[in-house]
Amino acid sequence: MPKKILSGIVVSDKPNKTITVVVERKYQHPVLKKVIRKKKKYNAHDEKNKFKNGDKVSIRECKPYSKSKKFEVIGDSK
């Protein structure tokens, strides 16, 4: 099964080796046909503490590092 790859913006880098990434997705409501924007936060593992607030990053699904950390940073998202 392929691993999920998401891209988003870093909103927090305070914990050691962890960043919080906001991923936004757009979809059309099935009945109303209005485009809706949803945001979700993911905690991701950042081994070298390289990324700071405002950076665009790509994250990949991986084995759980902790209760809430199930993604790891692949790199910059251009």
C-alpha atoms as a PDB file:
ATOM      1  CA  MET A   1       0.000   0.000   0.000  1.00  0.00           C
ATOM      2  CA  PRO A   2       1.502   3.386  -0.986  1.00  0.00           C
ATOM      3  CA  LYS A   3       2.307   5.864   1.742  1.00  0.00           C
ATOM      4  CA  LYS A   4       0.329   9.101   1.916  1.00  0.00           C
ATOM      5  CA  ILE A   5       2.306  12.216   0.887  1.00  0.00           C
ATOM      6  CA  LEU A   6       0.961  15.633   1.896  1.00  0.00           C
ATOM      7  CA  SER A   7       2.277  19.174   1.550  1.00  0.00           C
ATOM      8  CA  GLY A   8       1.598  22.080   3.858  1.00  0.00           C
ATOM      9  CA  ILE A   9       2.998  24.960   5.885  1.00  0.00           C
ATOM     10  CA  VAL A  10       4.853  24.693   9.207  1.00  0.00           C
ATOM     11  CA  VAL A  11       2.930  26.472  11.986  1.00  0.00           C
ATOM     12  CA  SER A  12       4.934  25.323  15.028  1.00  0.00           C
ATOM     13  CA  ASP A  13       8.500  24.122  15.589  1.00  0.00           C
ATOM     14  CA  LYS A  14       8.726  24.344  19.387  1.00  0.00           C
ATOM     15  CA  PRO A  15       9.012  20.664  20.401  1.00  0.00           C
ATOM     16  CA  ASN A  16      12.399  19.033  19.828  1.00  0.00           C
ATOM     17  CA  LYS A  17      12.555  17.076  16.518  1.00  0.00           C
ATOM     18  CA  THR A  18       8.857  17.775  15.831  1.00  0.00           C
ATOM     19  CA  ILE A  19       7.012  20.241  13.622  1.00  0.00           C
ATOM     20  CA  THR A  20       3.301  20.906  13.224  1.00  0.00           C
ATOM     21  CA  VAL A  21       2.148  21.181   9.608  1.00  0.00           C
ATOM     22  CA  VAL A  22      -1.196  22.585   8.430  1.00  0.00           C
ATOM     23  CA  VAL A  23      -2.479  20.827   5.299  1.00  0.00           C
ATOM     24  CA  GLU A  24      -5.320  22.502   3.403  1.00  0.00           C
ATOM     25  CA  ARG A  25      -7.552  20.640   0.981  1.00  0.00           C
ATOM     26  CA  LYS A  26     -10.360  21.864  -1.249  1.00  0.00           C
ATOM     27  CA  TYR A  27     -13.388  19.875  -2.305  1.00  0.00           C
ATOM     28  CA  GLN A  28     -16.802  20.554  -3.783  1.00  0.00           C
ATOM     29  CA  HIS A  29     -19.927  19.981  -1.705  1.00  0.00           C
ATOM     30  CA  PRO A  30     -21.922  17.175  -3.350  1.00  0.00           C
ATOM     31  CA  VAL A  31     -25.313  18.937  -3.192  1.00  0.00           C
ATOM     32  CA  LEU A  32     -24.576  22.663  -2.938  1.00  0.00           C
ATOM     33  CA  LYS A  33     -21.617  22.593  -5.385  1.00  0.00           C
ATOM     34  CA  LYS A  34     -19.780  25.145  -3.224  1.00  0.00           C
ATOM     35  CA  VAL A  35     -15.993  24.775  -2.941  1.00  0.00           C
ATOM     36  CA  ILE A  36     -15.060  24.164   0.693  1.00  0.00           C
ATOM     37  CA  ARG A  37     -11.581  24.546   2.223  1.00  0.00           C
ATOM     38  CA  LYS A  38     -10.644  22.243   5.097  1.00  0.00           C
ATOM     39  CA  LYS A  39      -7.489  22.532   7.209  1.00  0.00           C
ATOM     40  CA  LYS A  40      -5.953  19.794   9.328  1.00  0.00           C
ATOM     41  CA  LYS A  41      -2.839  19.794  11.519  1.00  0.00           C
ATOM     42  CA  TYR A  42      -0.324  16.956  11.496  1.00  0.00           C
ATOM     43  CA  ASN A  43       2.679  16.433  13.766  1.00  0.00           C
ATOM     44  CA  ALA A  44       5.720  15.352  11.781  1.00  0.00           C
ATOM     45  CA  HIS A  45       9.188  14.109  12.729  1.00  0.00           C
ATOM     46  CA  ASP A  46      12.007  16.547  11.823  1.00  0.00           C
ATOM     47  CA  GLU A  47      15.261  14.771  12.771  1.00  0.00           C
ATOM     48  CA  LYS A  48      17.609  17.766  12.322  1.00  0.00           C
ATOM     49  CA  ASN A  49      15.291  20.571  13.535  1.00  0.00           C
ATOM     50  CA  LYS A  50      15.799  22.107  10.097  1.00  0.00           C
ATOM     51  CA  PHE A  51      12.382  23.623   9.365  1.00  0.00           C
ATOM     52  CA  LYS A  52      10.971  26.813  10.914  1.00  0.00           C
ATOM     53  CA  ASN A  53       7.568  28.531  10.963  1.00  0.00           C
ATOM     54  CA  GLY A  54       6.255  29.484   7.524  1.00  0.00           C
ATOM     55  CA  ASP A  55       8.288  26.919   5.554  1.00  0.00           C
ATOM     56  CA  LYS A  56       6.479  24.836   2.909  1.00  0.00           C
ATOM     57  CA  VAL A  57       7.224  21.144   3.438  1.00  0.00           C
ATOM     58  CA  SER A  58       6.203  17.711   2.189  1.00  0.00           C
ATOM     59  CA  ILE A  59       5.449  15.024   4.750  1.00  0.00           C
ATOM     60  CA  ARG A  60       5.120  11.256   4.300  1.00  0.00           C
ATOM     61  CA  GLU A  61       3.209   8.676   6.325  1.00  0.00           C
ATOM     62  CA  CYS A  62       5.510   6.384   8.336  1.00  0.00           C
ATOM     63  CA  LYS A  63       5.636   4.154  11.381  1.00  0.00           C
ATOM     64  CA  PRO A  64       4.448   5.893  14.562  1.00  0.00           C
ATOM     65  CA  TYR A  65       7.157   7.823  16.403  1.00  0.00           C
ATOM     66  CA  SER A  66       4.723   8.576  19.242  1.00  0.00           C
ATOM     67  CA  LYS A  67       0.993   8.712  19.993  1.00  0.00           C
ATOM     68  CA  SER A  68       0.446  11.731  17.736  1.00  0.00           C
ATOM     69  CA  LYS A  69       3.474  11.626  15.387  1.00  0.00           C
ATOM     70  CA  LYS A  70       2.816   9.385  12.372  1.00  0.00           C
ATOM     71  CA  PHE A  71       4.448  11.457   9.617  1.00  0.00           C
ATOM     72  CA  GLU A  72       8.031  12.373   8.735  1.00  0.00           C
ATOM     73  CA  VAL A  73       9.403  15.290   6.726  1.00  0.00           C
ATOM     74  CA  ILE A  74      10.587  14.479   3.202  1.00  0.00           C
ATOM     75  CA  GLY A  75      11.841  17.951   2.342  1.00  0.00           C
ATOM     76  CA  ASP A  76      10.964  21.362   0.940  1.00  0.00           C
ATOM     77  CA  SER A  77       7.816  21.697  -1.118  1.00  0.00           C
ATOM     78  CA  LYS A  78       8.332  24.169  -3.955  1.00  0.00           C
END
